[in-house]
Amino acid sequence: MVYCTKCGAKNADDAVVCVKCGVALGRVSAPPWSRERRRGEEECFG
């Protein structure tokens, strides 16, 4: 379930726009470099 950041409506996981208000449901993911940095920190700090 994906929730709209504008109106809070529940939307299907594969929805592109909100069923209630029509705003685009952007998918936010961490950039690849942040995962690489995190991996490096784990190697340094255990």
N, C-alpha and C. Protein backbone atom coordinates (compact mmCIF):
# COMPACT_ATOMS: atom_id res chain seq x y z
N MET A 1 0.84 -1.18 0.00
CA MET A 1 0.00 0.00 0.00
C MET A 1 0.89 1.24 0.00
N VAL A 2 0.58 2.18 -0.87
CA VAL A 2 1.31 3.44 -0.95
C VAL A 2 0.36 4.55 -0.54
N TYR A 3 0.82 5.44 0.32
CA TYR A 3 0.00 6.55 0.77
C TYR A 3 0.41 7.83 0.05
N CYS A 4 -0.57 8.61 -0.34
CA CYS A 4 -0.34 9.89 -1.01
C CYS A 4 0.24 10.89 -0.01
N THR A 5 1.28 11.59 -0.42
CA THR A 5 1.90 12.59 0.46
C THR A 5 1.09 13.87 0.53
N LYS A 6 0.17 14.06 -0.41
CA LYS A 6 -0.64 15.28 -0.42
C LYS A 6 -1.92 15.12 0.40
N CYS A 7 -2.68 14.03 0.14
CA CYS A 7 -3.98 13.88 0.79
C CYS A 7 -4.05 12.70 1.75
N GLY A 8 -3.05 11.82 1.72
CA GLY A 8 -3.02 10.69 2.64
C GLY A 8 -3.82 9.47 2.20
N ALA A 9 -4.39 9.50 1.01
CA ALA A 9 -5.20 8.39 0.53
C ALA A 9 -4.35 7.15 0.29
N LYS A 10 -4.96 5.97 0.50
CA LYS A 10 -4.30 4.71 0.22
C LYS A 10 -4.37 4.45 -1.28
N ASN A 11 -3.26 3.96 -1.83
CA ASN A 11 -3.18 3.63 -3.25
C ASN A 11 -2.51 2.28 -3.41
N ALA A 12 -2.79 1.62 -4.53
CA ALA A 12 -2.15 0.33 -4.82
C ALA A 12 -0.65 0.52 -4.95
N ASP A 13 0.11 -0.53 -4.67
CA ASP A 13 1.57 -0.47 -4.76
C ASP A 13 2.07 -0.05 -6.14
N ASP A 14 1.33 -0.41 -7.18
CA ASP A 14 1.76 -0.09 -8.54
C ASP A 14 1.12 1.19 -9.09
N ALA A 15 0.44 1.95 -8.25
CA ALA A 15 -0.22 3.19 -8.70
C ALA A 15 0.81 4.24 -9.09
N VAL A 16 0.50 5.00 -10.13
CA VAL A 16 1.38 6.06 -10.60
C VAL A 16 0.89 7.41 -10.09
N VAL A 17 -0.44 7.57 -10.01
CA VAL A 17 -1.05 8.79 -9.49
C VAL A 17 -2.05 8.42 -8.40
N CYS A 18 -2.32 9.34 -7.50
CA CYS A 18 -3.26 9.13 -6.40
C CYS A 18 -4.68 8.98 -6.94
N VAL A 19 -5.41 7.98 -6.43
CA VAL A 19 -6.78 7.75 -6.88
C VAL A 19 -7.73 8.83 -6.39
N LYS A 20 -7.36 9.53 -5.33
CA LYS A 20 -8.24 10.55 -4.77
C LYS A 20 -7.97 11.94 -5.33
N CYS A 21 -6.70 12.38 -5.31
CA CYS A 21 -6.41 13.76 -5.71
C CYS A 21 -5.65 13.88 -7.03
N GLY A 22 -5.12 12.76 -7.55
CA GLY A 22 -4.45 12.77 -8.85
C GLY A 22 -3.00 13.19 -8.85
N VAL A 23 -2.43 13.47 -7.69
CA VAL A 23 -1.02 13.88 -7.64
C VAL A 23 -0.13 12.67 -7.96
N ALA A 24 1.00 12.95 -8.61
CA ALA A 24 1.93 11.88 -8.97
C ALA A 24 2.53 11.25 -7.71
N LEU A 25 2.57 9.94 -7.68
CA LEU A 25 3.14 9.20 -6.56
C LEU A 25 4.57 8.83 -6.90
N GLY A 26 5.49 9.74 -6.64
CA GLY A 26 6.90 9.50 -6.96
C GLY A 26 7.48 8.46 -6.05
N ARG A 27 8.36 7.66 -6.59
CA ARG A 27 9.07 6.65 -5.81
C ARG A 27 10.44 7.20 -5.47
N VAL A 28 10.75 7.18 -4.20
CA VAL A 28 12.04 7.69 -3.75
C VAL A 28 12.89 6.52 -3.31
N SER A 29 14.08 6.43 -3.86
CA SER A 29 15.01 5.39 -3.43
C SER A 29 16.37 6.03 -3.17
N ALA A 30 17.13 5.39 -2.34
CA ALA A 30 18.45 5.92 -2.01
C ALA A 30 19.36 5.83 -3.22
N PRO A 31 20.16 6.87 -3.48
CA PRO A 31 21.09 6.82 -4.60
C PRO A 31 22.15 5.75 -4.35
N PRO A 32 22.67 5.15 -5.42
CA PRO A 32 23.65 4.06 -5.26
C PRO A 32 24.85 4.43 -4.41
N TRP A 33 25.33 5.66 -4.50
CA TRP A 33 26.51 6.05 -3.73
C TRP A 33 26.27 6.00 -2.24
N SER A 34 25.03 6.20 -1.78
CA SER A 34 24.77 6.16 -0.34
C SER A 34 24.89 4.74 0.19
N ARG A 35 24.50 3.75 -0.62
CA ARG A 35 24.65 2.36 -0.21
C ARG A 35 26.12 1.98 -0.16
N GLU A 36 26.91 2.48 -1.13
CA GLU A 36 28.33 2.19 -1.15
C GLU A 36 29.02 2.79 0.06
N ARG A 37 28.63 4.01 0.42
CA ARG A 37 29.23 4.67 1.57
C ARG A 37 28.91 3.90 2.84
N ARG A 38 27.66 3.47 2.98
CA ARG A 38 27.24 2.74 4.16
C ARG A 38 28.04 1.44 4.28
N ARG A 39 28.27 0.77 3.17
CA ARG A 39 29.04 -0.47 3.17
C ARG A 39 30.46 -0.18 3.65
N GLY A 40 31.05 0.92 3.19
CA GLY A 40 32.40 1.29 3.60
C GLY A 40 32.49 1.59 5.08
N GLU A 41 31.47 2.24 5.63
CA GLU A 41 31.46 2.54 7.06
C GLU A 41 31.38 1.27 7.89
N GLU A 42 30.60 0.29 7.42
CA GLU A 42 30.49 -0.97 8.15
C GLU A 42 31.82 -1.70 8.18
N GLU A 43 32.57 -1.63 7.07
CA GLU A 43 33.87 -2.28 7.02
C GLU A 43 34.86 -1.62 7.98
N CYS A 44 34.75 -0.30 8.15
CA CYS A 44 35.66 0.43 9.02
C CYS A 44 35.30 0.27 10.49
N PHE A 45 34.00 0.31 10.78
CA PHE A 45 33.56 0.35 12.16
C PHE A 45 33.00 -0.97 12.67
N GLY A 46 32.98 -1.98 11.81
CA GLY A 46 32.57 -3.30 12.23
C GLY A 46 31.14 -3.46 12.39
